[in-house]
C-alpha cells in the first residue's frame, strides 16, 4: 500500500508516538499481526486486536507508526493528551470529530470525545438555550372572570398591578403604593367585590405571589393559584401580553398628555381580532358608554360562531409557534442536569428533586438550594452531581 510521508509533522512529535507505540504491549501485538498477516477467522484473533479487525485491510505500518490510511493510531498513553489538544479551543463534538477525522484515530475515539464534551463544565455552562418546546396553551375558561392572569410592571418608578380575564381579555390596572403581597391582596379583594371571585389565578413566581400570605389568601378565598416557572414568561403569557399593551398605552398617554382612564375605556371597548367583540361586551354582555357616540344598544354575548373563531385563532397561533419547536424528553427525580441559574447567565449543575407538572420541576443546585425551573431551562448530563446539604456535607 502506498502511504504518504510525515513530512508535515514535527519529528519530535513522531518520535513521541513511536516511543509510546513501542511501550504499548497491545499495539506491539498488533504490529506483529500486521507484519505476519491477519488470521483467516475472527475467532482466532487475539482479544487485544479485535477492535482493529474491521480495519484490517486499511491498517499498515509506516516508520514504526501504525496508520489507517493517513490517520495515525494514537497509543493509549497519549490519547488523553490528544483529546485535550483537540478540545483546547473548547470546540463541540462535531467540530472535534471533523478535526480528528483522517488525522488521528483509535477504537472508541468518537465515544470518548463525546463524553469529554459532555463532562466539560466550561462548555456546558456556556451552551445556548434549549430549542423551544411545542406551545401548551392555557384554557380560556368557560365564562368571564373564571380565570385571570396577573403581573407587576413599573413605569417611571411607579409600580402597577395588571389583571386580565382569560375569557374576555378585560383588563384591570391599578397603581401599587407598595409592592407587597398585602397591597396586591387588597387590590384583588376590591376587584373580586366588583366582579366575583375567580376560580383560577395565573401568575409568575414573584415574591408577591409566592409568599405564605398570598398562598393563605388564595386558600381562604377558594382560588386555585397556578404559578409559572422563573425565566419562563410563556407560562404567564396572557398577563405578559397585557403588560405590554398597558405599558404602551400609559407611555403614550404620558407623552401626549391624554387621559389614561379614557384610553383604558376605549381599549376595553375595542373588538378583538379573534372574536369580533370587545372585552367589555364579552365581560358584561353589553357595551359601556364612552366618549365615542353610539346608538347601538344591542347586547352582544359570545355565541357558537364566536367560540369557534376563538378556537381557530388559537390553533393558528400554536401551529405557527410549533414550526420551530420540539418536545424535550421528561426528566426523573434524581437525574443530573445543567439548569439556567439566572436568566441569560451560564448553566449550573444540579439534580432534579421532583416533577411538579408536565414541564415544571424543582431542581437542587450543588449547594443544596432548590429552584423551580421549566423543562426548557434544563439539560440532562452524564455528570454525577453531588448535592451539598445546608450543613456543608454531601
Protein backbone atom coordinates (compact mmCIF):
# COMPACT_ATOMS: atom_id res chain seq x y z
CA UNK A 1 0.00 0.00 0.00
CA UNK A 2 1.30 3.45 -0.91
CA UNK A 3 1.34 5.71 2.13
CA UNK A 4 2.03 9.44 2.33
CA UNK A 5 5.04 10.52 4.38
CA UNK A 6 5.04 12.51 7.62
CA UNK A 7 6.90 15.50 6.23
CA UNK A 8 4.43 18.00 7.68
CA UNK A 9 4.61 16.58 11.24
CA UNK A 10 7.45 17.65 13.57
CA UNK A 11 9.97 14.86 14.16
CA UNK A 12 9.76 15.22 17.94
CA UNK A 13 6.01 14.56 17.81
CA UNK A 14 6.50 11.49 15.61
CA UNK A 15 9.20 10.19 17.88
CA UNK A 16 6.87 10.55 20.87
CA UNK A 17 4.25 8.45 19.08
CA UNK A 18 6.86 5.84 18.05
CA UNK A 19 8.11 5.54 21.62
CA UNK A 20 4.60 5.24 23.06
CA UNK A 21 3.73 2.62 20.40
CA UNK A 22 6.80 0.57 21.31
CA UNK A 23 5.86 0.73 25.01
CA UNK A 24 2.24 -0.25 24.39
CA UNK A 25 2.06 -4.05 24.73
CA UNK A 26 -1.29 -4.32 22.93
CA UNK A 27 -0.08 -2.28 19.97
CA UNK A 28 3.06 -4.40 19.78
CA UNK A 29 0.87 -7.46 19.36
CA UNK A 30 -0.99 -5.58 16.64
CA UNK A 31 2.33 -4.75 14.94
CA UNK A 32 3.21 -8.43 14.95
CA UNK A 33 -0.13 -9.32 13.33
CA UNK A 34 0.35 -6.63 10.69
CA UNK A 35 3.82 -7.95 9.86
CA UNK A 36 2.83 -11.62 9.81
CA UNK A 37 -0.72 -11.24 8.44
CA UNK A 38 -4.19 -11.41 9.94
CA UNK A 39 -5.73 -14.80 10.86
CA UNK A 40 -8.37 -16.06 8.48
CA UNK A 41 -11.11 -16.17 11.10
CA UNK A 42 -12.12 -13.53 13.66
CA UNK A 43 -12.40 -16.18 16.37
CA UNK A 44 -8.64 -16.75 16.25
CA UNK A 45 -7.69 -13.06 16.52
CA UNK A 46 -6.08 -12.14 19.88
CA UNK A 47 -8.52 -10.28 22.14
CA UNK A 48 -6.46 -7.09 22.24
CA UNK A 49 -6.50 -6.88 18.42
CA UNK A 50 -10.23 -7.49 17.96
CA UNK A 51 -11.14 -3.76 17.98
CA UNK A 52 -8.92 -3.34 14.89
CA UNK A 53 -10.22 -6.35 12.96
CA UNK A 54 -12.79 -4.36 10.96
CA UNK A 55 -9.95 -2.11 9.70
CA UNK A 56 -7.55 -4.95 8.87
CA UNK A 57 -7.43 -4.05 5.17
CA UNK A 58 -6.69 -0.38 5.92
CA UNK A 59 -4.01 -0.73 8.59
CA UNK A 60 -0.30 -0.59 7.84
CA UNK A 61 3.00 0.38 9.43
CA UNK A 62 4.98 3.41 8.34
CA UNK A 63 8.22 4.43 10.02
CA UNK A 64 7.27 2.28 13.06
CA UNK A 65 3.91 4.05 13.40
CA UNK A 66 0.57 2.32 12.77
CA UNK A 67 -1.68 4.17 10.36
CA UNK A 68 -5.14 3.73 8.86
CA UNK A 69 -4.94 5.43 5.51
CA UNK A 70 -3.41 8.76 6.55
CA UNK A 71 -4.72 8.68 10.13
CA UNK A 72 -2.21 7.86 12.88
CA UNK A 73 -3.15 5.31 15.52
CA UNK A 74 -2.59 7.03 18.87
CA UNK A 75 -1.25 4.76 21.65
CA UNK A 76 -3.20 4.64 24.92
CA UNK A 77 -0.62 6.68 26.81
CA UNK A 78 -1.16 9.68 24.51
CA UNK A 79 -4.91 9.56 23.97
CA UNK A 80 -5.84 11.78 26.92
CA UNK A 81 -3.36 14.40 25.76
CA UNK A 82 -4.72 14.23 22.21
CA UNK A 83 -8.28 14.73 23.45
CA UNK A 84 -7.15 17.73 25.48
CA UNK A 85 -5.41 19.19 22.44
CA UNK A 86 -8.49 18.65 20.28
CA UNK A 87 -10.53 20.43 22.95
CA UNK A 88 -8.06 23.27 23.51
CA UNK A 89 -10.42 25.70 21.72
CA UNK A 90 -13.44 24.22 23.57
CA UNK A 91 -14.96 23.09 20.31
CA UNK A 92 -18.09 20.94 20.32
CA UNK A 93 -18.26 17.25 19.49
CA UNK A 94 -18.91 17.69 15.77
CA UNK A 95 -16.05 20.16 15.35
CA UNK A 96 -13.63 17.95 17.30
CA UNK A 97 -14.55 14.94 15.16
CA UNK A 98 -14.04 16.92 11.96
CA UNK A 99 -10.62 17.96 13.23
CA UNK A 100 -9.62 14.41 14.24
CA UNK A 101 -11.10 12.53 11.30
CA UNK A 102 -8.46 11.48 8.80
CA UNK A 103 -5.65 12.71 11.10
CA UNK A 104 -5.67 10.53 14.21
CA UNK A 105 -7.77 7.61 15.44
CA UNK A 106 -8.16 4.82 17.97
CA UNK A 107 -11.02 2.43 18.77
CA UNK A 108 -13.84 4.22 20.60
CA UNK A 109 -12.42 7.67 19.86
CA UNK A 110 -15.80 9.16 18.92
CA UNK A 111 -17.42 7.95 22.14
CA UNK A 112 -14.58 9.31 24.28
CA UNK A 113 -14.66 12.69 22.55
CA UNK A 114 -18.43 12.91 23.02
CA UNK A 115 -18.06 12.08 26.70
CA UNK A 116 -15.33 14.69 27.05
CA UNK A 117 -17.52 17.46 25.64
CA UNK A 118 -20.39 16.42 27.92
CA UNK A 119 -18.14 16.48 31.00
CA UNK A 120 -16.50 19.83 30.22
CA UNK A 121 -18.17 22.22 32.68
CA UNK A 122 -16.92 25.31 30.87
CA UNK A 123 -18.56 24.16 27.61
CA UNK A 124 -21.76 23.04 29.32
CA UNK A 125 -22.11 26.29 31.27
CA UNK A 126 -21.70 28.34 28.09
CA UNK A 127 -24.14 26.41 25.91
CA UNK A 128 -27.05 28.28 24.27
CA UNK A 129 -30.65 27.86 25.35
CA UNK A 130 -32.60 24.71 24.53
CA UNK A 131 -34.79 24.69 21.47
CA UNK A 132 -38.29 25.72 22.48
CA UNK A 133 -40.96 23.09 23.04
CA UNK A 134 -44.39 22.94 21.35
CA UNK A 135 -46.80 25.52 22.74
CA UNK A 136 -49.10 24.46 25.57
CA UNK A 137 -51.98 26.92 25.61
CA UNK A 138 -53.94 27.83 28.69
CA UNK A 139 -57.66 27.18 28.68
CA UNK A 140 -59.61 30.43 28.46
CA UNK A 141 -62.23 29.13 30.86
CA UNK A 142 -65.94 28.77 30.20
CA UNK A 143 -67.14 32.17 31.40
CA UNK A 144 -65.89 35.70 32.16
CA UNK A 145 -63.70 36.20 35.23
CA UNK A 146 -63.44 32.46 35.93
CA UNK A 147 -59.73 32.55 35.17
CA UNK A 148 -57.48 35.59 35.44
CA UNK A 149 -53.78 36.28 34.93
CA UNK A 150 -51.80 38.97 36.71
CA UNK A 151 -48.37 40.55 36.73
CA UNK A 152 -46.49 43.58 38.04
CA UNK A 153 -44.74 46.23 35.99
CA UNK A 154 -43.17 49.63 36.53
CA UNK A 155 -43.21 52.93 34.64
CA UNK A 156 -41.08 55.88 35.76
CA UNK A 157 -40.54 54.29 39.14
CA UNK A 158 -44.27 53.72 39.76
CA UNK A 159 -45.34 50.08 40.22
CA UNK A 160 -48.62 48.78 38.83
CA UNK A 161 -50.64 45.58 39.01
CA UNK A 162 -52.31 44.39 35.81
CA UNK A 163 -55.06 41.76 35.89
CA UNK A 164 -56.56 40.25 32.72
CA UNK A 165 -59.54 37.96 32.28
CA UNK A 166 -58.65 34.95 30.11
CA UNK A 167 -62.14 34.58 28.65
CA UNK A 168 -62.85 38.18 27.65
CA UNK A 169 -59.42 39.91 27.68
CA UNK A 170 -60.96 42.50 30.01
CA UNK A 171 -58.08 44.27 31.75
CA UNK A 172 -57.77 45.96 35.13
CA UNK A 173 -54.73 48.08 36.05
CA UNK A 174 -54.03 49.54 39.48
CA UNK A 175 -51.23 51.61 40.99
CA UNK A 176 -49.43 49.93 43.89
CA UNK A 177 -48.35 52.12 46.79
CA UNK A 178 -46.20 49.18 47.92
CA UNK A 179 -45.06 46.09 46.03
CA UNK A 180 -46.06 43.75 48.85
CA UNK A 181 -48.34 40.74 48.99
CA UNK A 182 -50.63 42.65 51.36
CA UNK A 183 -51.09 45.52 48.89
CA UNK A 184 -51.71 43.14 45.97
CA UNK A 185 -54.27 41.21 48.01
CA UNK A 186 -56.12 44.42 48.95
CA UNK A 187 -56.47 45.41 45.29
CA UNK A 188 -57.59 41.90 44.29
CA UNK A 189 -60.25 41.92 47.01
CA UNK A 190 -61.67 45.16 45.59
CA UNK A 191 -61.81 43.62 42.13
CA UNK A 192 -63.39 40.43 43.43
CA UNK A 193 -66.04 42.50 45.21
CA UNK A 194 -66.97 44.03 41.83
CA UNK A 195 -66.69 41.01 39.51
CA UNK A 196 -66.78 37.99 41.79
CA UNK A 197 -64.13 35.50 42.89
CA UNK A 198 -62.32 33.73 40.03
CA UNK A 199 -61.74 30.01 40.11
CA UNK A 200 -58.13 30.26 38.94
CA UNK A 201 -55.35 32.84 39.16
CA UNK A 202 -52.22 32.54 36.99
CA UNK A 203 -49.10 34.49 37.94
CA UNK A 204 -45.34 34.32 37.80
CA UNK A 205 -43.18 33.28 40.74
CA UNK A 206 -42.61 36.82 42.03
CA UNK A 207 -42.28 37.33 45.79
CA UNK A 208 -45.71 38.98 45.99
CA UNK A 209 -47.35 35.84 44.62
CA UNK A 210 -45.14 33.12 46.14
CA UNK A 211 -45.38 34.32 49.76
CA UNK A 212 -47.17 32.42 52.51
CA UNK A 213 -49.54 35.39 52.89
CA UNK A 214 -50.71 35.14 49.28
CA UNK A 215 -50.91 31.36 49.49
CA UNK A 216 -53.16 31.64 52.56
CA UNK A 217 -55.30 34.27 50.82
CA UNK A 218 -55.84 32.02 47.78
CA UNK A 219 -56.72 29.06 50.01
CA UNK A 220 -59.14 31.06 52.17
CA UNK A 221 -60.94 32.51 49.14
CA UNK A 222 -61.10 29.13 47.39
CA UNK A 223 -58.89 30.06 44.44
CA UNK A 224 -56.61 27.71 42.52
CA UNK A 225 -53.30 29.57 42.14
CA UNK A 226 -51.11 28.45 39.21
CA UNK A 227 -47.51 29.68 39.18
CA UNK A 228 -45.26 29.80 36.10
CA UNK A 229 -41.59 28.85 36.35
CA UNK A 230 -38.98 31.61 36.75
CA UNK A 231 -37.40 32.89 33.50
CA UNK A 232 -40.32 31.37 31.57
CA UNK A 233 -42.73 34.21 30.73
CA UNK A 234 -44.69 31.99 28.31
CA UNK A 235 -46.19 30.29 31.36
CA UNK A 236 -47.93 33.57 32.20
CA UNK A 237 -48.19 34.79 28.62
CA UNK A 238 -51.66 36.29 28.93
CA UNK A 239 -50.59 38.69 31.66
CA UNK A 240 -47.25 39.36 29.94
CA UNK A 241 -49.12 40.44 26.80
CA UNK A 242 -51.47 42.61 28.86
CA UNK A 243 -48.47 44.30 30.50
CA UNK A 244 -47.05 45.20 27.08
CA UNK A 245 -50.35 46.68 25.94
CA UNK A 246 -50.95 48.66 29.15
CA UNK A 247 -47.36 49.90 29.39
CA UNK A 248 -47.51 51.06 25.79
CA UNK A 249 -50.81 52.84 26.48
CA UNK A 250 -49.55 54.60 29.62
CA UNK A 251 -46.30 55.69 27.99
CA UNK A 252 -48.11 57.22 25.03
CA UNK A 253 -50.72 58.99 27.17
CA UNK A 254 -47.95 60.42 29.34
CA UNK A 255 -46.18 61.60 26.21
CA UNK A 256 -49.15 63.46 24.69
CA UNK A 257 -50.94 64.34 27.95
CA UNK A 258 -54.14 62.40 27.25
CA UNK A 259 -56.45 60.97 29.89
CA UNK A 260 -55.26 57.48 30.84
CA UNK A 261 -58.70 56.43 32.08
CA UNK A 262 -60.36 57.39 28.80
CA UNK A 263 -57.66 55.45 26.96
CA UNK A 264 -58.34 52.38 29.14
CA UNK A 265 -62.08 52.72 28.49
CA UNK A 266 -61.55 52.73 24.71
CA UNK A 267 -59.10 49.84 24.97
CA UNK A 268 -61.78 47.77 26.68
CA UNK A 269 -64.40 48.79 24.09
CA UNK A 270 -62.27 47.82 21.07
CA UNK A 271 -63.33 44.50 19.44
CA UNK A 272 -60.67 41.79 19.41
CA UNK A 273 -59.50 40.13 16.23
CA UNK A 274 -60.36 36.60 17.28
CA UNK A 275 -63.96 37.21 18.43
CA UNK A 276 -65.15 40.42 16.78
CA UNK A 277 -66.44 41.52 20.20
CA UNK A 278 -64.86 43.91 22.67
CA UNK A 279 -63.61 42.71 26.06
CA UNK A 280 -66.41 44.75 27.68
CA UNK A 281 -69.11 43.08 25.57
CA UNK A 282 -67.84 39.61 26.45
CA UNK A 283 -67.32 40.51 30.11
CA UNK A 284 -70.68 42.23 30.72
CA UNK A 285 -72.77 41.27 27.70
CA UNK A 286 -73.09 44.92 26.67
CA UNK A 287 -71.09 47.93 25.53
CA UNK A 288 -70.13 50.60 28.02
CA UNK A 289 -70.86 54.23 27.16
CA UNK A 290 -67.75 56.15 26.16
CA UNK A 291 -66.75 59.49 24.59
CA UNK A 292 -67.41 57.99 21.15
CA UNK A 293 -71.16 58.25 20.41
CA UNK A 294 -73.14 55.12 19.59
CA UNK A 295 -76.84 54.38 19.02
CA UNK A 296 -76.39 50.59 19.01
CA UNK A 297 -77.56 49.36 22.38
CA UNK A 298 -78.00 45.72 21.35
CA UNK A 299 -76.46 43.36 23.84
CA UNK A 300 -73.87 41.02 22.42
CA UNK A 301 -72.69 37.82 24.01
CA UNK A 302 -70.31 35.18 22.69
CA UNK A 303 -72.11 32.62 20.54
CA UNK A 304 -71.03 29.37 18.90
CA UNK A 305 -69.52 31.25 15.98
CA UNK A 306 -67.50 33.47 18.30
CA UNK A 307 -66.25 30.47 20.25
CA UNK A 308 -65.27 28.72 17.02
CA UNK A 309 -63.43 31.84 15.86
CA UNK A 310 -61.53 31.99 19.14
CA UNK A 311 -60.56 28.31 18.84
CA UNK A 312 -59.43 28.73 15.22
CA UNK A 313 -57.27 31.69 16.18
CA UNK A 314 -55.61 29.75 19.00
CA UNK A 315 -54.90 26.81 16.71
CA UNK A 316 -53.33 29.14 14.16
CA UNK A 317 -51.06 30.67 16.80
CA UNK A 318 -49.99 27.23 18.03
CA UNK A 319 -49.29 25.96 14.51
CA UNK A 320 -47.06 28.94 13.77
CA UNK A 321 -45.25 28.67 17.13
CA UNK A 322 -44.66 24.92 16.84
CA UNK A 323 -42.89 25.13 13.47
CA UNK A 324 -39.53 25.56 15.24
CA UNK A 325 -40.31 23.61 18.37
CA UNK A 326 -39.79 20.05 19.54
CA UNK A 327 -40.67 18.07 22.66
CA UNK A 328 -37.89 17.56 25.19
CA UNK A 329 -37.78 14.17 26.96
CA UNK A 330 -39.13 14.27 30.53
CA UNK A 331 -36.74 14.16 33.47
CA UNK A 332 -36.99 11.96 36.53
CA UNK A 333 -36.25 12.52 40.19
CA UNK A 334 -32.52 12.17 40.82
CA UNK A 335 -31.46 12.98 37.24
CA UNK A 336 -28.30 15.08 36.95
CA UNK A 337 -28.84 18.23 34.90
CA UNK A 338 -27.45 21.58 33.91
CA UNK A 339 -30.01 24.32 34.61
CA UNK A 340 -30.20 28.04 33.97
CA UNK A 341 -29.29 29.58 37.30
CA UNK A 342 -30.41 33.06 36.28
CA UNK A 343 -31.92 34.30 33.05
CA UNK A 344 -29.27 34.92 30.39
CA UNK A 345 -26.47 33.56 32.58
CA UNK A 346 -24.42 30.36 32.46
CA UNK A 347 -25.78 26.88 33.08
CA UNK A 348 -25.13 25.35 36.52
CA UNK A 349 -25.00 21.76 37.71
CA UNK A 350 -27.87 20.38 39.75
CA UNK A 351 -30.11 17.40 40.36
CA UNK A 352 -33.86 17.04 39.81
CA UNK A 353 -35.73 16.80 43.10
CA UNK A 354 -39.29 16.43 41.83
CA UNK A 355 -41.55 16.98 38.84
CA UNK A 356 -44.37 19.42 39.62
CA UNK A 357 -46.26 19.29 36.32
CA UNK A 358 -45.75 18.40 32.67
CA UNK A 359 -42.90 20.91 32.29
CA UNK A 360 -42.26 22.31 35.77
CA UNK A 361 -39.57 20.86 38.06
CA UNK A 362 -37.81 21.51 41.33
CA UNK A 363 -34.05 21.21 40.86
CA UNK A 364 -31.40 21.47 43.55
CA UNK A 365 -28.08 23.17 42.92
CA UNK A 366 -24.82 21.63 44.10
CA UNK A 367 -25.12 23.86 47.19
CA UNK A 368 -28.45 22.25 48.02
CA UNK A 369 -30.59 25.29 47.14
CA UNK A 370 -33.92 24.39 45.46
CA UNK A 371 -35.06 26.20 42.31
CA UNK A 372 -38.25 25.92 40.28
CA UNK A 373 -37.44 25.58 36.58
CA UNK A 374 -39.24 24.87 33.33
CA UNK A 375 -38.06 21.84 31.31
CA UNK A 376 -36.73 24.20 28.61
CA UNK A 377 -34.23 25.56 31.16
CA UNK A 378 -32.72 22.15 31.95
CA UNK A 379 -30.36 19.81 30.10
CA UNK A 380 -29.61 16.25 31.22
CA UNK A 381 -25.95 15.35 31.72
CA UNK A 382 -23.91 12.23 32.46
CA UNK A 383 -22.00 14.10 35.17
CA UNK A 384 -22.58 12.51 38.60
CA UNK A 385 -23.74 15.57 40.55
CA UNK A 386 -23.19 15.59 44.29
CA UNK A 387 -25.56 17.79 46.30
CA UNK A 388 -24.17 19.52 49.36
CA UNK A 389 -26.54 19.75 52.31
CA UNK A 390 -27.01 23.04 54.11
CA UNK A 391 -24.60 21.91 56.83
CA UNK A 392 -21.85 21.69 54.24
CA UNK A 393 -21.80 17.89 53.97
CA UNK A 394 -22.68 15.84 50.88
